[in-house]
Structures are given as structure tokens and as C-alpha cells.
Amino acid sequence: MSALSAPVADRHVANRRTFAIISHPDAGKTTLTEKLLLFGGAIQMAGEVKARGDSRRVRSDWMAVERERGISVSSAVMTFVYDGLTYNLLDTPGHQDFSEDTYRTLTAVDSAVMVIDAAKGIETQTRKLFEVCRLRDVPIITFVNKMDREARDPFDLMSEIEEQLALDVTPATWPIGMGRDFLGTYDILNDTLLLFDRGEGARVTEAVRCSGLDDPKLAELLPAHALAKLTEEVEMVRGLCPPFDVESYRAGHLTPVFFGSAINNFGVRELLGGVAELAPPPRPQPAEPRAIAPTETKVAGFVFKVQANMDPQHRDRVAFVRLCSGRFQRGMKLKHVRTGRMMAVQNPMFFLAQDRNLAEEAWPGDILGIPNHGTLRIGDTLTEGEELKVTGIPNFAPEILRRVRLDDPMKSKHLKRALEQMADEGVTRVFKPLIGTDWIVGVVGQLQIDVLAERIRAEYDLKMHFEQAPYETARWVSADDKTLMKRFLDEVRGSLAEDHDGAPVFMARNSWELNRTQQDWPDVKFSATREQG
């Protein structure tokens, strides 16, 4: 394969925006996603994201949990082109029990849009998701949604973002009124007025270019009292808030704030323009022994998500790969670094939610779906030959442990395969105690247990139930001294298990036992996280 010229590769990299949408449930994330896709021409009418999701749930029994609870439990990938740029939009689960899937999704993006309900402000899950972004220095654009309803004072919202998230805040747009009195927004960065047409809420409103707040056009378009208040508030904003600085934003220290109403299409195009203009193109990816730059000519990518049985009739298994560098072409052979084997990628896919299109080529920032039969796991790195491993994709110690009981003990081999495949997906941690025949599963939240049970029943036709495990917590163990490690493993064998990668895990019956064992073995590391892959 001939190498492309640097300017061509640089252009493709510069034209990518790979971002996630994060929010507390019910802040309007699904609606905003839908409207962004509408602008990108990826869907033809509002409502199709939900409609397509419902169709997928009808075909896939395990998604009954989603349908019953009205939540999303898996991340979706949507690729579309708008105004000359390619957007890879990753929608994340809103429920806190699936924060680990959200964390892994955020390893694959270069920026995020944080959606906030204008009446509620920063909510619990918003704060948790933001902290995940902070761990990876993911820059965030804030979209304050539902301004056409009764809302909190925008200055209060700005202060809350600043104080609770420890972020500098700069409004990109400013609301003119709220609720029944909502008239539109003023674009502070570009001096444009966007009027809200309540009668034609679904229509895209064209912005009016202004020369500033003293432009005579504003007096013609806005009531005198609204213009006076807008002028006063924008002057306060400019005096109180730091000026927008793109480097501070991209470093994760500052968030530009957009106001709008996703359900009315209002402010969504301006938000998309903000992502295009402000959000970074593909960033370098942390890896060992060196970081991977997006401008490198050799292909490299990593698996951040695995989804099995998207089509239950075919038992398919798709690895979602974030491309880090190089020009990928369908059919090329890549090295699976964990196993050292070469694999030909014959049928890579781009996604619009559950719809798939064959990917002939891809560039840094793009998300590929690679069908495989369990070869690829979360955290795996693919390269054109170099021994590189993308880092920062950990397993987290579970907060809930349960013992698995089969109704039919003769199907233990089927259970083993099902649990290992679920572990490969990251749906659950799976531990096999060294003494005994039981399997122990570990999850972050109770809803994951419900999803796991439903999926095993629907996808593997296994009847089983969970019992309280005799353990409260689990920690991966390691030591620099191999002799010490062997002695430790021998002495605590009754409390040891292996995860599905064969790594040793200490299973503690309570926090006292964990603390006491750590004191007794100070040179053994007890880790709440373990690097994937």
C-alpha cells in the first residue's frame, strides 16, 4: 500500500470530530442526538433515532430491560458528514450502573458535549460523568437544554458549573428570557442574534448578523425591555467570565456554554457549529512504549467496546475500534498485538446506530466495527506491525458480587462460555475461585445484574439465578518479588480467584479482612483497577 502525501492525511485528520454526549437521564440527550443527526442528514425526520432503537429492541429480546425501564444500557456509534466535516458521535448510557461502559467510550473520543436541564442544573450523574472526562482531560462543551420551559437563572447555572465542576465557564451564547418569555439567544462569540419562533419550533431559524449589541437591527427585532436586559447581562458576562480561550478549553480547564431547546431544533445547529469550530480534531493516544500521533502514516487502533449478538440470529460479535493513526483500507492485514498474530480485516463497518455500512477506508478518529468470533477484546491494540499498546482502558473492581447457580448443572460448560463472552464485552467481571466449582460475577450496579440475567436467558437459553456471594469486595493482586507473590498466593489460597484472563484476585469477605490482609502483606499490591488487554 502506497503512503499518502502528508497534506492529504493532514486534511482527513483535521476534518474529523469524534465526540460523546453525556448527561443525567432525562436531560434531553436522546433528543439532542436525534437533532444532530437530522442536521447531518443521517436521518430524515425527527423521531427516527427512537424508532430505530425500538425496532432493534423488538429484534433483540435482551433489550427488553431497556424498553421496560426506558433507559439506554449500551453505547451507540453514529457517523455522519455535515458541512464538509465527518462526525463520529458516540452516545453513552445515561444510567449510573453502566458508568464503566461510559468510561471506556470516553477513551475513544476527543471531546464531549455535556447536556444540562435548564431547570435542574448539575445532577448526580452529570457530575460523575464529568469526573470521568476529567480523568482523561476530555474537553467539554456544555449545552443548557429546555430553555423554552421554566428554567433557573442562567447566572446561577453558570456559577453551579464553575463551583461544582471546578471549571472556568464562558457563555458562547446567551439566552433572551426563558420559558414562555424565551425569545432566543445572542451569540457572544460571533455577534449574531437567533430568534425563537414558538409557532415554528421544528424549523431551523436563520441567525441575524449584528455589529454588536448597539446594532440598530436589534432594536427592531427585540422588545425594548428584552434588549435592555440582554445588553446588561452580556456586559456582566463579559466582565465576570474569562474570555474564551481555545487552548484552555482543549486542555479541559474551560467550558463554552450554549443555550437552546433541542426538542424545538433551537440552538442545535449552533452547537454543532461550536463542535466544528472549537472541538479538537483527533488527539494523540496514550500508549506504550510511546504515544500514537494521529498524523503517523502507519495504521494503529484500539478496541474500546465489544458487543455480542447485535443480530441474535447470527450470533455475531462486533469489536468497536477507534482508529488512532494512518489510512485504513478494507482488506488490509493488521497485527493483533496481544496475541502477536496478523489478521485480515475484510468486512469493517461504519454505523448509524444499528444500521451498518461497509467501510472501504477510514482515518484517525473514525470508529470501525470489526466482526470477529471472540478474537478481539476490550483494550486490544491493532497495528501495521509495531509493538504498541494503547493504555488507560482499565477494569474496575466490582461493587456487587453474586454467585451464579444453574437450574440444570449439566449445562455448566454452556454457562462458562456465556460468562466468558459477557466478560469479554465488559458487561461483567467473572471470577473463578481456586477452591470450589462456583462462578462469581461482579458488577458496578444492580441493573447490570438484571441485564446479565436477561441476556444469558435470551441469548444462551440458560436458566440460572444469582445468590449472595460470601465475598464483599475483590482486588487484583501483584508483587514485584515473585517469591513473595508465590508465598502470598499459597497462604491465602482459600480467598483467591482468577479473572477470565487468569489474573489472581483476592476475594475479601468484608472491608476488615481486606484491610487486615493489606497490613499483613505490605509489599503486595491490592488494586481496584486493572489495565485491559
Protein backbone atom coordinates (compact mmCIF):
# COMPACT_ATOMS: atom_id res chain seq x y z
CA MET A 1 0.00 0.00 0.00
CA SER A 2 1.49 3.32 -1.03
CA ALA A 3 1.80 6.04 1.55
CA LEU A 4 -0.33 9.14 1.07
CA SER A 5 1.18 12.58 1.00
CA ALA A 6 1.22 14.34 4.35
CA PRO A 7 -1.13 17.18 3.25
CA VAL A 8 -3.83 14.66 2.23
CA ALA A 9 -3.56 12.76 5.50
CA ASP A 10 -3.48 16.01 7.50
CA ARG A 11 -6.67 17.18 5.77
CA HIS A 12 -8.54 13.99 6.65
CA VAL A 13 -7.39 14.22 10.28
CA ALA A 14 -8.34 17.91 10.53
CA ASN A 15 -11.82 17.12 9.17
CA ARG A 16 -12.73 14.61 11.92
CA ARG A 17 -14.67 15.40 15.09
CA THR A 18 -15.15 12.40 17.38
CA PHE A 19 -17.24 13.29 20.42
CA ALA A 20 -19.60 11.83 23.01
CA ILE A 21 -22.80 13.17 24.51
CA ILE A 22 -23.08 12.82 28.29
CA SER A 23 -25.90 13.79 30.63
CA HIS A 24 -28.05 12.84 33.56
CA PRO A 25 -31.09 10.77 32.48
CA ASP A 26 -33.96 12.92 31.15
CA ALA A 27 -31.83 15.98 30.39
CA GLY A 28 -32.61 15.57 26.68
CA LYS A 29 -29.62 13.59 25.43
CA THR A 30 -31.58 11.33 23.05
CA THR A 31 -33.47 14.30 21.59
CA LEU A 32 -30.26 16.26 21.07
CA THR A 33 -28.61 13.23 19.43
CA GLU A 34 -31.60 12.90 17.13
CA LYS A 35 -31.48 16.56 16.09
CA LEU A 36 -27.72 16.48 15.47
CA LEU A 37 -28.24 13.52 13.15
CA LEU A 38 -31.10 15.38 11.50
CA PHE A 39 -28.76 18.27 10.68
CA GLY A 40 -26.16 15.81 9.42
CA GLY A 41 -28.68 14.24 7.04
CA ALA A 42 -28.21 10.90 8.76
CA ILE A 43 -31.93 10.63 9.48
CA GLN A 44 -34.84 12.05 7.51
CA MET A 45 -37.24 13.03 10.25
CA ALA A 46 -37.30 13.63 13.97
CA GLY A 47 -38.17 10.53 15.94
CA GLU A 48 -36.16 8.06 13.87
CA VAL A 49 -33.46 7.53 16.49
CA LYS A 50 -36.09 6.36 18.93
CA ALA A 51 -37.99 4.48 16.23
CA ARG A 52 -34.88 2.67 15.08
CA GLY A 53 -33.99 1.90 18.66
CA ASP A 54 -37.46 0.41 19.19
CA SER A 55 -37.06 -1.73 16.06
CA ARG A 56 -33.75 -3.03 17.34
CA ARG A 57 -35.32 -3.87 20.70
CA VAL A 58 -38.09 -5.81 19.01
CA ARG A 59 -35.49 -7.97 17.26
CA SER A 60 -33.32 -8.44 20.32
CA ASP A 61 -35.01 -9.89 23.40
CA TRP A 62 -32.34 -8.83 25.88
CA MET A 63 -33.14 -5.19 25.16
CA ALA A 64 -36.47 -5.74 26.96
CA VAL A 65 -34.69 -4.35 30.03
CA GLU A 66 -34.13 -1.10 28.13
CA ARG A 67 -37.73 -1.00 26.97
CA GLU A 68 -39.20 -1.69 30.40
CA ARG A 69 -37.07 0.88 32.20
CA GLY A 70 -36.91 3.49 29.44
CA ILE A 71 -33.12 3.78 29.56
CA SER A 72 -30.13 3.00 27.38
CA VAL A 73 -27.71 0.36 28.63
CA SER A 74 -25.23 0.27 25.77
CA SER A 75 -23.28 2.86 23.85
CA ALA A 76 -24.25 3.63 20.26
CA VAL A 77 -21.98 4.86 17.46
CA MET A 78 -23.23 7.20 14.73
CA THR A 79 -21.13 8.52 11.85
CA PHE A 80 -22.35 11.33 9.60
CA VAL A 81 -21.00 14.12 7.38
CA TYR A 82 -22.08 17.75 7.73
CA ASP A 83 -20.70 20.88 6.11
CA GLY A 84 -17.52 19.17 4.96
CA LEU A 85 -16.64 17.52 8.28
CA THR A 86 -17.00 13.90 9.36
CA TYR A 87 -18.57 13.50 12.79
CA ASN A 88 -18.32 10.34 14.88
CA LEU A 89 -20.94 10.72 17.59
CA LEU A 90 -20.86 8.27 20.49
CA ASP A 91 -24.00 8.16 22.61
CA THR A 92 -23.39 6.87 26.13
CA PRO A 93 -25.61 5.03 28.64
CA GLY A 94 -27.30 7.50 30.95
CA HIS A 95 -27.79 5.15 33.88
CA GLN A 96 -25.10 5.26 36.57
CA ASP A 97 -24.90 1.46 36.79
CA PHE A 98 -23.25 1.48 33.35
CA SER A 99 -20.59 4.08 34.14
CA GLU A 100 -17.81 1.63 33.21
CA ASP A 101 -19.13 1.35 29.64
CA THR A 102 -19.31 5.15 29.55
CA TYR A 103 -15.72 5.42 30.77
CA ARG A 104 -14.49 3.12 28.02
CA THR A 105 -16.50 5.05 25.43
CA LEU A 106 -14.87 8.27 26.58
CA THR A 107 -11.43 6.77 25.92
CA ALA A 108 -12.40 6.73 22.24
CA VAL A 109 -13.45 10.39 21.87
CA ASP A 110 -11.59 13.68 21.57
CA SER A 111 -14.27 15.85 23.19
CA ALA A 112 -17.70 15.69 24.80
CA VAL A 113 -20.97 17.62 24.87
CA MET A 114 -22.49 17.81 28.37
CA VAL A 115 -26.26 18.29 28.32
CA ILE A 116 -27.84 20.03 31.31
CA ASP A 117 -31.54 20.51 32.04
CA ALA A 118 -32.04 24.27 32.43
CA ALA A 119 -34.46 23.72 35.33
CA LYS A 120 -32.29 21.23 37.23
CA GLY A 121 -28.67 22.22 36.62
CA ILE A 122 -25.86 19.86 37.63
CA GLU A 123 -27.29 16.49 38.70
CA THR A 124 -25.61 13.48 40.28
CA GLN A 125 -24.86 11.54 37.12
CA THR A 126 -23.74 14.70 35.32
CA ARG A 127 -21.11 15.18 37.99
CA LYS A 128 -19.95 11.55 37.82
CA LEU A 129 -19.66 11.61 34.04
CA PHE A 130 -17.78 14.88 34.16
CA GLU A 131 -15.26 13.35 36.57
CA VAL A 132 -14.71 10.55 34.05
CA CYS A 133 -13.98 13.18 31.40
CA ARG A 134 -11.59 14.93 33.76
CA LEU A 135 -9.58 11.73 34.28
CA ARG A 136 -8.74 11.81 30.57
CA ASP A 137 -8.64 15.62 30.12
CA VAL A 138 -11.54 15.40 27.65
CA PRO A 139 -12.62 18.95 26.68
CA ILE A 140 -16.31 19.67 27.26
CA ILE A 141 -18.84 21.90 25.55
CA THR A 142 -21.95 22.50 27.70
CA PHE A 143 -25.44 22.64 26.20
CA VAL A 144 -28.12 24.02 28.56
CA ASN A 145 -31.30 22.43 27.23
CA LYS A 146 -35.04 23.14 27.60
CA MET A 147 -34.79 26.94 27.72
CA ASP A 148 -38.32 27.13 26.28
CA ARG A 149 -39.56 25.83 29.66
CA GLU A 150 -39.28 27.41 33.09
CA ALA A 151 -35.60 27.44 33.95
CA ARG A 152 -33.16 28.58 36.57
CA ASP A 153 -31.38 31.90 36.28
CA PRO A 154 -28.53 31.44 33.76
CA PHE A 155 -26.06 33.17 36.11
CA ASP A 156 -26.93 30.61 38.80
CA LEU A 157 -26.37 27.78 36.33
CA MET A 158 -23.01 29.22 35.32
CA SER A 159 -21.94 29.56 38.96
CA GLU A 160 -23.01 25.99 39.68
CA ILE A 161 -20.98 24.62 36.77
CA GLU A 162 -17.98 26.66 37.90
CA GLU A 163 -18.20 25.71 41.57
CA GLN A 164 -19.28 22.07 41.41
CA LEU A 165 -17.13 21.05 38.45
CA ALA A 166 -14.19 23.39 39.12
CA LEU A 167 -14.30 24.65 35.54
CA ASP A 168 -13.91 28.10 34.08
CA VAL A 169 -17.14 28.99 32.28
CA THR A 170 -17.61 31.19 29.23
CA PRO A 171 -21.01 31.57 27.54
CA ALA A 172 -20.82 31.11 23.78
CA THR A 173 -24.47 32.12 23.50
CA TRP A 174 -26.75 33.90 25.99
CA PRO A 175 -30.49 33.33 26.46
CA ILE A 176 -33.02 36.11 26.00
CA GLY A 177 -35.64 35.24 28.59
CA MET A 178 -36.84 31.73 29.47
CA GLY A 179 -39.98 29.62 29.49
CA ARG A 180 -42.95 31.45 27.98
CA ASP A 181 -40.82 34.58 27.66
CA PHE A 182 -37.97 32.85 25.81
CA LEU A 183 -37.20 34.94 22.72
CA GLY A 184 -33.94 33.42 21.53
CA THR A 185 -30.19 33.65 22.10
CA TYR A 186 -27.39 36.06 21.37
CA ASP A 187 -24.15 34.56 20.08
CA ILE A 188 -21.49 36.34 22.11
CA LEU A 189 -18.54 34.88 20.22
CA ASN A 190 -19.85 35.76 16.76
CA ASP A 191 -22.27 38.67 17.42
CA THR A 192 -25.36 37.07 15.91
CA LEU A 193 -28.97 37.02 17.08
CA LEU A 194 -31.03 33.83 16.91
CA LEU A 195 -34.76 34.38 17.37
CA PHE A 196 -37.01 31.63 18.74
CA ASP A 197 -40.17 31.14 16.68
CA ARG A 198 -42.58 29.38 19.01
CA GLY A 199 -45.06 28.72 16.25
CA GLU A 200 -42.46 27.05 14.01
CA GLY A 201 -40.35 25.32 16.62
CA ALA A 202 -39.27 22.50 14.34
CA ARG A 203 -37.98 24.89 11.69
CA VAL A 204 -34.32 25.89 11.61
CA THR A 205 -34.08 29.58 12.45
CA GLU A 206 -31.59 31.67 10.49
CA ALA A 207 -29.26 33.83 12.57
CA VAL A 208 -29.13 37.61 12.10
CA ARG A 209 -25.62 39.02 11.83
CA CYS A 210 -25.03 42.05 14.09
CA SER A 211 -22.23 44.55 14.54
CA GLY A 212 -22.67 44.34 18.31
CA LEU A 213 -25.32 44.92 20.96
CA ASP A 214 -25.73 48.54 19.83
CA ASP A 215 -26.64 47.47 16.29
CA PRO A 216 -29.95 49.23 15.31
CA LYS A 217 -31.24 45.92 13.93
CA LEU A 218 -31.56 44.58 17.48
CA ALA A 219 -33.99 47.35 18.45
CA GLU A 220 -36.17 46.38 15.50
CA LEU A 221 -36.18 42.67 16.36
CA LEU A 222 -36.43 42.69 20.16
CA PRO A 223 -38.77 44.45 22.62
CA ALA A 224 -37.06 47.37 24.37
CA HIS A 225 -37.12 45.73 27.81
CA ALA A 226 -35.65 42.47 26.45
CA LEU A 227 -32.87 44.31 24.61
CA ALA A 228 -32.02 46.38 27.69
CA LYS A 229 -31.81 43.24 29.85
CA LEU A 230 -29.76 41.39 27.23
CA THR A 231 -27.30 44.29 26.96
CA GLU A 232 -26.92 44.47 30.73
CA GLU A 233 -26.44 40.73 31.15
CA VAL A 234 -23.95 40.35 28.29
CA GLU A 235 -21.90 43.22 29.73
CA MET A 236 -21.94 41.42 33.10
CA VAL A 237 -20.90 38.18 31.43
CA ARG A 238 -18.01 39.85 29.68
CA GLY A 239 -16.93 41.41 32.94
CA LEU A 240 -17.32 38.34 35.16
CA CYS A 241 -16.34 35.46 32.88
CA PRO A 242 -12.93 34.83 31.35
CA PRO A 243 -12.72 35.39 27.59
CA PHE A 244 -12.95 32.20 25.59
CA ASP A 245 -9.54 30.61 25.11
CA VAL A 246 -9.42 27.60 22.80
CA GLU A 247 -6.26 26.19 24.40
CA SER A 248 -7.79 26.35 27.88
CA TYR A 249 -10.92 24.61 26.57
CA ARG A 250 -8.97 21.87 24.79
CA ALA A 251 -6.89 21.30 27.92
CA GLY A 252 -10.10 20.62 29.83
CA HIS A 253 -9.99 23.75 32.02
CA LEU A 254 -12.79 25.81 30.44
CA THR A 255 -16.21 25.02 29.03
CA PRO A 256 -18.07 27.17 26.48
CA VAL A 257 -21.81 27.17 27.21
CA PHE A 258 -24.58 27.11 24.59
CA PHE A 259 -28.26 27.63 25.42
CA GLY A 260 -31.16 26.18 23.44
CA SER A 261 -34.08 23.79 23.12
CA ALA A 262 -33.26 20.51 21.39
CA ILE A 263 -36.88 19.43 21.01
CA ASN A 264 -37.54 22.63 19.03
CA ASN A 265 -34.35 22.39 16.96
CA PHE A 266 -33.30 25.66 18.55
CA GLY A 267 -29.58 26.20 19.09
CA VAL A 268 -28.66 22.72 17.85
CA ARG A 269 -27.07 23.92 14.61
CA GLU A 270 -25.09 26.50 16.59
CA LEU A 271 -23.93 23.76 18.97
CA LEU A 272 -22.83 21.62 16.02
CA GLY A 273 -21.00 24.66 14.66
CA GLY A 274 -19.30 25.02 18.03
CA VAL A 275 -18.13 21.40 17.88
CA ALA A 276 -16.84 22.02 14.34
CA GLU A 277 -15.02 25.24 15.18
CA LEU A 278 -13.85 24.68 18.75
CA ALA A 279 -13.58 20.94 19.43
CA PRO A 280 -10.21 19.35 18.68
CA PRO A 281 -9.57 17.04 15.74
CA PRO A 282 -8.17 13.58 16.63
CA ARG A 283 -5.70 13.82 19.50
CA PRO A 284 -2.62 11.68 20.26
CA GLN A 285 -3.50 8.47 22.08
CA PRO A 286 -1.59 7.33 25.18
CA ALA A 287 0.27 4.09 24.52
CA GLU A 288 3.35 2.12 25.50
CA PRO A 289 6.19 2.41 24.75
CA ARG A 290 5.16 5.72 23.13
CA ALA A 291 2.09 7.80 22.35
CA ILE A 292 0.45 7.43 18.92
CA ALA A 293 0.13 10.65 16.89
CA PRO A 294 -2.84 10.93 14.50
CA THR A 295 -0.55 12.17 11.72
CA GLU A 296 1.52 8.95 11.62
CA THR A 297 1.28 7.05 8.31
CA LYS A 298 1.07 3.55 9.84
CA VAL A 299 -2.33 2.32 10.98
CA ALA A 300 -3.00 1.83 14.69
CA GLY A 301 -6.27 1.47 16.57
CA PHE A 302 -7.70 0.03 19.77
CA VAL A 303 -10.83 -1.82 20.87
CA PHE A 304 -12.94 0.15 23.36
CA LYS A 305 -16.18 -1.83 23.15
CA VAL A 306 -17.34 -5.32 22.20
CA GLN A 307 -20.98 -6.09 21.50
CA ALA A 308 -22.18 -9.66 21.03
CA ASN A 309 -25.44 -10.79 19.49
CA MET A 310 -26.44 -7.47 17.94
CA ASP A 311 -28.14 -9.81 15.48
CA PRO A 312 -29.16 -12.79 17.67
CA GLN A 313 -29.93 -14.99 14.66
CA HIS A 314 -26.30 -14.91 13.54
CA ARG A 315 -24.55 -14.86 16.94
CA ASP A 316 -22.41 -12.01 15.68
CA ARG A 317 -19.70 -10.35 17.73
CA VAL A 318 -18.53 -6.86 16.80
CA ALA A 319 -15.44 -5.10 18.18
CA PHE A 320 -15.63 -1.30 18.06
CA VAL A 321 -12.22 0.09 17.13
CA ARG A 322 -11.11 3.70 17.43
CA LEU A 323 -8.59 4.43 14.68
CA CYS A 324 -5.60 6.33 16.10
CA SER A 325 -3.38 6.83 13.05
CA GLY A 326 -2.83 6.01 9.39
CA ARG A 327 -5.17 5.36 6.48
CA PHE A 328 -7.09 2.15 6.99
CA GLN A 329 -8.25 0.28 3.87
CA ARG A 330 -10.61 -2.67 3.78
CA GLY A 331 -8.79 -6.00 3.45
CA MET A 332 -5.52 -4.83 4.97
CA LYS A 333 -3.72 -7.06 7.45
CA LEU A 334 -3.14 -5.77 10.96
CA LYS A 335 -1.19 -7.19 13.87
CA HIS A 336 -3.21 -8.19 16.91
CA VAL A 337 -0.59 -7.09 19.42
CA ARG A 338 -1.86 -9.12 22.40
CA THR A 339 -1.57 -12.44 20.53
CA GLY A 340 1.12 -11.43 18.03
CA ARG A 341 -0.98 -12.74 15.12
CA MET A 342 -1.80 -10.99 11.86
CA MET A 343 -5.49 -10.67 10.96
CA ALA A 344 -7.09 -9.58 7.68
CA VAL A 345 -9.91 -7.08 8.20
CA GLN A 346 -12.29 -7.99 5.39
CA ASN A 347 -15.67 -6.62 6.46
CA PRO A 348 -15.18 -3.49 8.60
CA MET A 349 -18.31 -1.39 9.17
CA PHE A 350 -19.41 2.16 9.85
CA PHE A 351 -22.52 2.59 11.98
CA LEU A 352 -25.59 4.72 12.20
CA ALA A 353 -26.90 3.26 15.44
CA GLN A 354 -27.75 -0.36 14.45
CA ASP A 355 -27.53 0.28 10.68
CA ARG A 356 -24.25 -0.83 9.11
CA ASN A 357 -22.35 0.22 6.00
CA LEU A 358 -19.21 -1.43 4.64
CA ALA A 359 -16.16 0.77 5.34
CA GLU A 360 -13.79 0.89 2.37
CA GLU A 361 -11.40 3.24 4.15
CA ALA A 362 -11.12 5.09 7.45
CA TRP A 363 -8.96 7.77 9.02
CA PRO A 364 -7.83 8.72 12.54
CA GLY A 365 -10.84 9.50 14.70
CA ASP A 366 -13.16 7.12 12.83
CA ILE A 367 -14.92 4.26 14.62
CA LEU A 368 -14.89 0.88 12.87
CA GLY A 369 -16.91 -2.19 13.69
CA ILE A 370 -14.91 -5.38 13.10
CA PRO A 371 -16.86 -8.66 13.15
CA ASN A 372 -14.96 -11.46 14.89
CA HIS A 373 -15.55 -14.60 16.92
CA GLY A 374 -14.08 -13.58 20.25
CA THR A 375 -10.56 -12.83 19.00
CA LEU A 376 -10.75 -9.14 19.86
CA ARG A 377 -11.22 -7.96 23.44
CA ILE A 378 -11.63 -4.58 25.05
CA GLY A 379 -8.21 -2.93 25.33
CA ASP A 380 -6.65 -4.79 22.38
CA THR A 381 -4.42 -2.78 20.03
CA LEU A 382 -4.17 -3.34 16.26
CA THR A 383 -1.18 -2.01 14.29
CA GLU A 384 0.60 -2.48 10.98
CA GLY A 385 3.29 -4.37 12.85
CA GLU A 386 4.72 -2.21 15.62
CA GLU A 387 4.51 -3.46 19.20
CA LEU A 388 2.28 -0.76 20.68
CA LYS A 389 -0.34 -0.98 23.42
CA VAL A 390 -2.90 1.76 23.95
CA THR A 391 -3.23 2.45 27.69
CA GLY A 392 -5.83 3.95 30.00
CA ILE A 393 -8.62 1.38 29.48
CA PRO A 394 -8.95 -0.27 32.90
CA ASN A 395 -11.18 -2.83 34.52
CA PHE A 396 -12.78 -1.54 37.72
CA ALA A 397 -13.22 -3.61 40.85
CA PRO A 398 -16.91 -4.59 41.19
CA GLU A 399 -19.10 -3.20 43.94
CA ILE A 400 -21.61 -6.09 43.84
CA LEU A 401 -20.59 -9.78 43.86
CA ARG A 402 -23.00 -12.65 43.21
CA ARG A 403 -22.68 -16.44 42.98
CA VAL A 404 -24.14 -17.99 39.83
CA ARG A 405 -26.43 -21.01 40.19
CA LEU A 406 -27.59 -23.04 37.17
CA ASP A 407 -31.01 -24.67 37.27
CA ASP A 408 -29.51 -27.50 35.18
CA PRO A 409 -25.97 -28.36 36.41
CA MET A 410 -25.36 -30.37 33.23
CA LYS A 411 -25.06 -27.11 31.29
CA SER A 412 -22.02 -25.84 33.17
CA LYS A 413 -19.89 -25.71 30.01
CA HIS A 414 -22.52 -23.53 28.31
CA LEU A 415 -22.54 -21.26 31.35
CA LYS A 416 -18.75 -20.97 31.26
CA ARG A 417 -18.84 -19.89 27.61
CA ALA A 418 -21.66 -17.40 28.23
CA LEU A 419 -19.93 -15.79 31.22
CA GLU A 420 -16.59 -15.55 29.42
CA GLN A 421 -18.23 -13.88 26.42
CA MET A 422 -20.00 -11.41 28.71
CA ALA A 423 -16.68 -10.72 30.42
CA ASP A 424 -15.05 -10.08 27.03
CA GLU A 425 -17.75 -7.46 26.39
CA GLY A 426 -17.12 -5.80 29.73
CA VAL A 427 -20.70 -6.48 30.82
CA THR A 428 -19.44 -8.15 33.99
CA ARG A 429 -16.31 -9.27 35.82
CA VAL A 430 -16.11 -13.06 36.10
CA PHE A 431 -14.13 -14.76 38.85
CA LYS A 432 -13.43 -18.48 39.32
CA PRO A 433 -12.42 -19.26 42.94
CA LEU A 434 -9.41 -21.59 43.14
CA ILE A 435 -11.33 -23.78 45.60
CA GLY A 436 -14.81 -24.95 44.61
CA THR A 437 -16.78 -25.06 41.37
CA ASP A 438 -18.83 -21.87 41.64
CA TRP A 439 -18.60 -18.89 39.35
CA ILE A 440 -18.68 -15.41 40.88
CA VAL A 441 -19.79 -12.41 38.83
CA GLY A 442 -19.05 -8.83 39.80
CA VAL A 443 -20.74 -5.64 38.60
CA VAL A 444 -20.79 -1.93 39.44
CA GLY A 445 -24.59 -1.62 39.81
CA GLN A 446 -27.67 -3.76 40.42
CA LEU A 447 -29.16 -3.03 37.00
CA GLN A 448 -26.17 -4.80 35.42
CA ILE A 449 -27.18 -7.97 37.28
CA ASP A 450 -30.69 -7.73 35.82
CA VAL A 451 -29.32 -7.19 32.30
CA LEU A 452 -26.83 -10.06 32.69
CA ALA A 453 -29.54 -12.49 33.82
CA GLU A 454 -31.87 -11.47 30.98
CA ARG A 455 -29.15 -11.74 28.33
CA ILE A 456 -27.98 -15.17 29.50
CA ARG A 457 -31.58 -16.38 29.39
CA ALA A 458 -32.40 -14.84 25.99
CA GLU A 459 -29.12 -15.33 24.14
CA TYR A 460 -27.87 -18.63 25.57
CA ASP A 461 -31.13 -20.27 26.65
CA LEU A 462 -29.77 -20.89 30.13
CA LYS A 463 -31.96 -20.82 33.21
CA MET A 464 -30.00 -19.62 36.20
CA HIS A 465 -30.24 -17.37 39.23
CA PHE A 466 -27.93 -15.39 41.46
CA GLU A 467 -27.21 -15.90 45.14
CA GLN A 468 -25.45 -13.70 47.64
CA ALA A 469 -21.72 -14.41 47.37
CA PRO A 470 -19.64 -14.99 50.51
CA TYR A 471 -17.48 -12.04 49.46
CA GLU A 472 -17.96 -8.29 49.70
CA THR A 473 -15.15 -6.98 47.54
CA ALA A 474 -12.42 -8.05 45.11
CA ARG A 475 -8.92 -6.72 44.42
CA TRP A 476 -6.36 -7.71 41.80
CA VAL A 477 -3.08 -8.65 43.48
CA SER A 478 0.52 -8.41 42.30
CA ALA A 479 4.04 -8.05 43.67
CA ASP A 480 7.44 -7.15 42.26
CA ASP A 481 9.05 -10.02 44.20
CA LYS A 482 7.97 -13.30 42.56
CA THR A 483 8.97 -15.39 45.59
CA LEU A 484 6.89 -13.17 47.88
CA MET A 485 3.99 -13.37 45.48
CA LYS A 486 4.08 -17.16 45.40
CA ARG A 487 4.17 -17.32 49.21
CA PHE A 488 1.21 -14.94 49.42
CA LEU A 489 -0.82 -16.95 46.90
CA ASP A 490 -0.12 -20.17 48.77
CA GLU A 491 -1.11 -18.75 52.17
CA VAL A 492 -4.39 -17.09 51.12
CA ARG A 493 -5.41 -19.70 48.56
CA GLY A 494 -8.85 -20.08 50.16
CA SER A 495 -9.61 -16.44 49.33
CA LEU A 496 -8.21 -16.43 45.82
CA ALA A 497 -9.87 -16.50 42.43
CA GLU A 498 -8.82 -15.91 38.84
CA ASP A 499 -10.50 -13.46 36.50
CA HIS A 500 -11.29 -14.56 32.96
CA ASP A 501 -7.77 -13.54 31.87
CA GLY A 502 -6.23 -15.76 34.55
CA ALA A 503 -5.06 -12.84 36.73
CA PRO A 504 -5.10 -13.51 40.50
CA VAL A 505 -7.83 -11.79 42.53
CA PHE A 506 -8.15 -11.57 46.32
CA MET A 507 -11.78 -12.03 47.41
CA ALA A 508 -12.43 -10.37 50.76
CA ARG A 509 -15.42 -11.24 52.94
CA ASN A 510 -15.57 -7.71 54.30
CA SER A 511 -13.57 -4.49 54.44
CA TRP A 512 -11.95 -5.52 57.73
CA GLU A 513 -10.48 -8.66 56.14
CA LEU A 514 -9.20 -6.66 53.17
CA ASN A 515 -7.55 -4.05 55.41
CA ARG A 516 -6.03 -6.69 57.66
CA THR A 517 -4.59 -8.66 54.73
CA GLN A 518 -3.11 -5.47 53.25
CA GLN A 519 -1.45 -4.74 56.60
CA ASP A 520 -0.09 -8.29 56.85
CA TRP A 521 1.31 -8.15 53.29
CA PRO A 522 2.54 -4.56 52.81
CA ASP A 523 4.65 -5.43 49.74
CA VAL A 524 1.71 -6.95 47.84
CA LYS A 525 -0.31 -4.53 45.71
CA PHE A 526 -4.10 -4.72 46.07
CA SER A 527 -5.52 -2.88 43.04
CA ALA A 528 -9.07 -1.64 42.45
CA THR A 529 -8.31 -1.29 38.73
CA ARG A 530 -6.51 -3.42 36.21
CA GLU A 531 -5.40 -2.40 32.74
CA GLN A 532 -7.41 -4.06 29.96
CA GLY A 533 -5.80 -6.13 27.27
